Structure formats: C-alpha cells, structure tokens
Amino acid sequence: MTIVAGTISVVALRWWTTRGHLPVNVPIVLAGVLLALAVLVLIFGLRVRAAVRNHTLDDPVGASRVLVLGQSAAVTAAVHVGYLLAQLGLALPRWEAPEPRAQVLRVVVCLVAALGLAAAGMLTQHFCRVPPEDDDDEQGPRPPGATA
C-alpha cells in the first residue's frame, strides 16, 4: 500500500509542479492529528487487551470493531507514509533553498507521526487476538472404543 500511494503521489506531485504550480505544503498539524489518532487507537486496543486477559470481554462485536479500527489505522498510516516519502523525495533535491528545508522538517515530523499510527494500528490488531478456548471435555482424539 505504501509503494502504491508513494508512486501515485510522486507522479501527481511532479505533474503538479511541472505545470508551474508551487509544491504542495505539508501542514505540521497533520502530525498532531496522526498522533492523536494513534493514541486513541492504542487506548481502545489496550481496553480490549485488558478485557481479554481478565476474561471479562462482554462485547465481542465491539472488540471486532476495535480490530477493524486497528486495521484501518495501519492502512491509513501506510498511505500517509507513501505520500510523505514522495514529498520528501521531491523536496530533498532542492535542499539549498529555505522553503524546501522547512518542508523537509515538516515532512519528517509527519512521517514519524504516521509511523507511530502504523505501530499503534498493528499493536491494536495484536491486542485483539483472542486465545483459543480450552475445553475440558475435549482432551484430543480418543482411542477407538473409549467412552466419554
């Protein structure tokens, strides 16, 4: 997903700048939004993890929603990482000018935040894994002729 988003972003950004437009600025607020999302996803994931560990999971549908939230966070982060890497690749060759230098700084900060969101999404997916149930009735295959 990151490679696809990065490739599309490079093509689109190069097309945009070759038409005489200024390069698209990456706002620093994006880093705050991505970090806020990462924190929320982690909080929900930790709540599900605690419920699974304590065997108090009352809402399996809610846990599956948190799992999907973790998956969407990871996909969203992958798209952002691809886009931000494309921005970084286009700004680095013009490093000497002051504006691309500021752009690189903003992109790196947002890139770290996007990687944090990816980590939070993947951790949340891991936290939502439910261990297999232990059935005392089924001890495995019984020998032929054995009764329960």
C-alpha atoms as a PDB file:
ATOM      1  CA  MET A   1       0.000   0.000   0.000  1.00  0.00           C
ATOM      2  CA  THR A   2       2.851   2.384   0.823  1.00  0.00           C
ATOM      3  CA  ILE A   3       4.548   1.766  -2.514  1.00  0.00           C
ATOM      4  CA  VAL A   4       1.321   2.309  -4.469  1.00  0.00           C
ATOM      5  CA  ALA A   5       0.492   5.517  -2.592  1.00  0.00           C
ATOM      6  CA  GLY A   6       4.054   6.751  -2.935  1.00  0.00           C
ATOM      7  CA  THR A   7       4.169   6.059  -6.669  1.00  0.00           C
ATOM      8  CA  ILE A   8       0.854   7.772  -7.325  1.00  0.00           C
ATOM      9  CA  SER A   9       1.944  10.705  -5.153  1.00  0.00           C
ATOM     10  CA  VAL A  10       5.262  11.131  -6.966  1.00  0.00           C
ATOM     11  CA  VAL A  11       3.527  11.142 -10.347  1.00  0.00           C
ATOM     12  CA  ALA A  12       0.823  13.568  -9.192  1.00  0.00           C
ATOM     13  CA  LEU A  13       3.226  15.918  -7.400  1.00  0.00           C
ATOM     14  CA  ARG A  14       5.635  16.011 -10.347  1.00  0.00           C
ATOM     15  CA  TRP A  15       2.748  16.700 -12.715  1.00  0.00           C
ATOM     16  CA  TRP A  16       1.544  19.493 -10.400  1.00  0.00           C
ATOM     17  CA  THR A  17       4.935  21.189 -10.180  1.00  0.00           C
ATOM     18  CA  THR A  18       5.717  20.854 -13.914  1.00  0.00           C
ATOM     19  CA  ARG A  19       2.512  22.771 -14.643  1.00  0.00           C
ATOM     20  CA  GLY A  20       4.013  25.797 -12.886  1.00  0.00           C
ATOM     21  CA  HIS A  21       2.305  25.380  -9.515  1.00  0.00           C
ATOM     22  CA  LEU A  22       4.076  25.626  -6.196  1.00  0.00           C
ATOM     23  CA  PRO A  23       4.772  22.310  -4.429  1.00  0.00           C
ATOM     24  CA  VAL A  24       2.050  21.209  -2.028  1.00  0.00           C
ATOM     25  CA  ASN A  25       2.902  22.119   1.559  1.00  0.00           C
ATOM     26  CA  VAL A  26       2.582  19.529   4.307  1.00  0.00           C
ATOM     27  CA  PRO A  27       0.988  21.161   7.357  1.00  0.00           C
ATOM     28  CA  ILE A  28       2.561  20.419  10.731  1.00  0.00           C
ATOM     29  CA  VAL A  29      -0.980  19.951  12.101  1.00  0.00           C
ATOM     30  CA  LEU A  30      -1.033  16.631  10.238  1.00  0.00           C
ATOM     31  CA  ALA A  31       1.491  15.269  12.729  1.00  0.00           C
ATOM     32  CA  GLY A  32      -0.774  16.212  15.624  1.00  0.00           C
ATOM     33  CA  VAL A  33      -3.797  14.596  14.017  1.00  0.00           C
ATOM     34  CA  LEU A  34      -1.891  11.387  13.248  1.00  0.00           C
ATOM     35  CA  LEU A  35      -0.519  11.216  16.796  1.00  0.00           C
ATOM     36  CA  ALA A  36      -3.977  11.844  18.286  1.00  0.00           C
ATOM     37  CA  LEU A  37      -5.370   9.011  16.176  1.00  0.00           C
ATOM     38  CA  ALA A  38      -2.518   6.754  17.264  1.00  0.00           C
ATOM     39  CA  VAL A  39      -3.245   7.458  20.929  1.00  0.00           C
ATOM     40  CA  LEU A  40      -6.969   6.773  20.511  1.00  0.00           C
ATOM     41  CA  VAL A  41      -6.372   3.538  18.616  1.00  0.00           C
ATOM     42  CA  LEU A  42      -3.919   2.391  21.297  1.00  0.00           C
ATOM     43  CA  ILE A  43      -6.341   3.244  24.115  1.00  0.00           C
ATOM     44  CA  PHE A  44      -9.108   1.191  22.512  1.00  0.00           C
ATOM     45  CA  GLY A  45      -6.691  -1.661  21.822  1.00  0.00           C
ATOM     46  CA  LEU A  46      -5.441  -1.697  25.409  1.00  0.00           C
ATOM     47  CA  ARG A  47      -9.029  -1.804  26.686  1.00  0.00           C
ATOM     48  CA  VAL A  48      -9.750  -4.880  24.569  1.00  0.00           C
ATOM     49  CA  ARG A  49      -6.465  -6.473  25.642  1.00  0.00           C
ATOM     50  CA  ALA A  50      -7.307  -5.973  29.316  1.00  0.00           C
ATOM     51  CA  ALA A  51     -10.787  -7.433  28.823  1.00  0.00           C
ATOM     52  CA  VAL A  52      -9.398 -10.481  27.008  1.00  0.00           C
ATOM     53  CA  ARG A  53      -6.733 -11.091  29.653  1.00  0.00           C
ATOM     54  CA  ASN A  54      -9.210 -10.749  32.529  1.00  0.00           C
ATOM     55  CA  HIS A  55     -11.794 -12.916  30.726  1.00  0.00           C
ATOM     56  CA  THR A  56     -14.329 -10.098  31.025  1.00  0.00           C
ATOM     57  CA  LEU A  57     -14.913  -9.480  27.329  1.00  0.00           C
ATOM     58  CA  ASP A  58     -18.659  -8.829  27.244  1.00  0.00           C
ATOM     59  CA  ASP A  59     -18.893  -7.298  23.777  1.00  0.00           C
ATOM     60  CA  PRO A  60     -17.204  -9.360  21.050  1.00  0.00           C
ATOM     61  CA  VAL A  61     -18.766  -7.130  18.370  1.00  0.00           C
ATOM     62  CA  GLY A  62     -17.133  -4.105  19.983  1.00  0.00           C
ATOM     63  CA  ALA A  63     -13.816  -5.941  20.063  1.00  0.00           C
ATOM     64  CA  SER A  64     -14.144  -6.762  16.373  1.00  0.00           C
ATOM     65  CA  ARG A  65     -14.823  -3.085  15.695  1.00  0.00           C
ATOM     66  CA  VAL A  66     -11.629  -2.176  17.526  1.00  0.00           C
ATOM     67  CA  LEU A  67      -9.808  -4.756  15.404  1.00  0.00           C
ATOM     68  CA  VAL A  68     -11.136  -3.106  12.237  1.00  0.00           C
ATOM     69  CA  LEU A  69     -10.136   0.275  13.664  1.00  0.00           C
ATOM     70  CA  GLY A  70      -6.600  -1.027  14.090  1.00  0.00           C
ATOM     71  CA  GLN A  71      -6.567  -2.343  10.540  1.00  0.00           C
ATOM     72  CA  SER A  72      -7.827   0.967   9.157  1.00  0.00           C
ATOM     73  CA  ALA A  73      -5.235   2.860  11.182  1.00  0.00           C
ATOM     74  CA  ALA A  74      -2.476   0.707   9.706  1.00  0.00           C
ATOM     75  CA  VAL A  75      -3.766   1.208   6.146  1.00  0.00           C
ATOM     76  CA  THR A  76      -4.214   4.955   6.686  1.00  0.00           C
ATOM     77  CA  ALA A  77      -0.686   5.184   8.028  1.00  0.00           C
ATOM     78  CA  ALA A  78       0.661   3.235   5.043  1.00  0.00           C
ATOM     79  CA  VAL A  79      -0.972   5.686   2.623  1.00  0.00           C
ATOM     80  CA  HIS A  80       0.381   8.656   4.582  1.00  0.00           C
ATOM     81  CA  VAL A  81       3.879   7.170   4.700  1.00  0.00           C
ATOM     82  CA  GLY A  82       3.816   6.715   0.921  1.00  0.00           C
ATOM     83  CA  TYR A  83       2.658  10.280   0.341  1.00  0.00           C
ATOM     84  CA  LEU A  84       5.132  11.747   2.809  1.00  0.00           C
ATOM     85  CA  LEU A  85       8.026   9.778   1.331  1.00  0.00           C
ATOM     86  CA  ALA A  86       7.069  11.165  -2.077  1.00  0.00           C
ATOM     87  CA  GLN A  87       7.071  14.688  -0.625  1.00  0.00           C
ATOM     88  CA  LEU A  88      10.446  14.027   0.970  1.00  0.00           C
ATOM     89  CA  GLY A  89      11.875  12.684  -2.276  1.00  0.00           C
ATOM     90  CA  LEU A  90      10.764  15.779  -4.162  1.00  0.00           C
ATOM     91  CA  ALA A  91      11.988  18.277  -1.533  1.00  0.00           C
ATOM     92  CA  LEU A  92      15.444  16.803  -0.871  1.00  0.00           C
ATOM     93  CA  PRO A  93      16.998  17.711  -4.263  1.00  0.00           C
ATOM     94  CA  ARG A  94      16.148  21.370  -3.585  1.00  0.00           C
ATOM     95  CA  TRP A  95      17.635  21.301  -0.066  1.00  0.00           C
ATOM     96  CA  GLU A  96      19.653  24.543  -0.512  1.00  0.00           C
ATOM     97  CA  ALA A  97      16.578  26.791  -0.653  1.00  0.00           C
ATOM     98  CA  PRO A  98      14.945  27.774   2.657  1.00  0.00           C
ATOM     99  CA  GLU A  99      11.390  26.663   1.798  1.00  0.00           C
ATOM    100  CA  PRO A 100      12.292  23.051   0.845  1.00  0.00           C
ATOM    101  CA  ARG A 101      14.380  22.817   4.022  1.00  0.00           C
ATOM    102  CA  ALA A 102      11.344  23.781   6.117  1.00  0.00           C
ATOM    103  CA  GLN A 103       9.220  21.396   4.072  1.00  0.00           C
ATOM    104  CA  VAL A 104      11.636  18.523   4.780  1.00  0.00           C
ATOM    105  CA  LEU A 105      11.445  19.244   8.501  1.00  0.00           C
ATOM    106  CA  ARG A 106       7.634  19.210   8.457  1.00  0.00           C
ATOM    107  CA  VAL A 107       7.574  16.047   6.350  1.00  0.00           C
ATOM    108  CA  VAL A 108       9.961  14.215   8.692  1.00  0.00           C
ATOM    109  CA  VAL A 109       7.869  15.141  11.746  1.00  0.00           C
ATOM    110  CA  CYS A 110       4.691  13.973   9.994  1.00  0.00           C
ATOM    111  CA  LEU A 111       6.468  10.823   8.813  1.00  0.00           C
ATOM    112  CA  VAL A 112       7.372   9.915  12.392  1.00  0.00           C
ATOM    113  CA  ALA A 113       3.744  10.506  13.416  1.00  0.00           C
ATOM    114  CA  ALA A 114       2.488   8.324  10.550  1.00  0.00           C
ATOM    115  CA  LEU A 115       4.862   5.542  11.584  1.00  0.00           C
ATOM    116  CA  GLY A 116       3.510   5.902  15.128  1.00  0.00           C
ATOM    117  CA  LEU A 117      -0.023   5.460  13.799  1.00  0.00           C
ATOM    118  CA  ALA A 118       1.076   2.364  11.884  1.00  0.00           C
ATOM    119  CA  ALA A 119       2.629   0.904  15.023  1.00  0.00           C
ATOM    120  CA  ALA A 120      -0.494   1.696  17.047  1.00  0.00           C
ATOM    121  CA  GLY A 121      -2.702   0.047  14.421  1.00  0.00           C
ATOM    122  CA  MET A 122      -0.608  -3.097  14.284  1.00  0.00           C
ATOM    123  CA  LEU A 123      -0.384  -3.310  18.082  1.00  0.00           C
ATOM    124  CA  THR A 124      -4.138  -2.911  18.354  1.00  0.00           C
ATOM    125  CA  GLN A 125      -4.620  -5.753  15.881  1.00  0.00           C
ATOM    126  CA  HIS A 126      -2.311  -7.879  18.021  1.00  0.00           C
ATOM    127  CA  PHE A 127      -4.176  -6.916  21.203  1.00  0.00           C
ATOM    128  CA  CYS A 128      -7.490  -8.034  19.701  1.00  0.00           C
ATOM    129  CA  ARG A 129      -6.309 -11.607  19.185  1.00  0.00           C
ATOM    130  CA  VAL A 130      -8.346 -13.945  21.338  1.00  0.00           C
ATOM    131  CA  PRO A 131      -6.606 -17.069  22.626  1.00  0.00           C
ATOM    132  CA  PRO A 132      -8.206 -20.392  21.721  1.00  0.00           C
ATOM    133  CA  GLU A 133     -10.736 -21.676  24.190  1.00  0.00           C
ATOM    134  CA  ASP A 134      -9.742 -24.518  26.480  1.00  0.00           C
ATOM    135  CA  ASP A 135     -12.463 -27.167  26.518  1.00  0.00           C
ATOM    136  CA  ASP A 136     -12.087 -29.645  29.350  1.00  0.00           C
ATOM    137  CA  ASP A 137     -14.476 -32.027  27.619  1.00  0.00           C
ATOM    138  CA  GLU A 138     -12.282 -32.405  24.574  1.00  0.00           C
ATOM    139  CA  GLN A 139      -8.847 -33.706  25.520  1.00  0.00           C
ATOM    140  CA  GLY A 140      -7.975 -34.583  21.960  1.00  0.00           C
ATOM    141  CA  PRO A 141      -8.785 -37.650  19.864  1.00  0.00           C
ATOM    142  CA  ARG A 142      -9.972 -40.629  21.869  1.00  0.00           C
ATOM    143  CA  PRO A 143      -8.802 -44.114  21.181  1.00  0.00           C
ATOM    144  CA  PRO A 144     -11.296 -46.364  19.424  1.00  0.00           C
ATOM    145  CA  GLY A 145     -13.765 -47.922  21.815  1.00  0.00           C
ATOM    146  CA  ALA A 146     -13.283 -45.315  24.568  1.00  0.00           C
ATOM    147  CA  THR A 147     -16.399 -43.711  26.024  1.00  0.00           C
ATOM    148  CA  ALA A 148     -16.888 -40.252  27.358  1.00  0.00           C
END
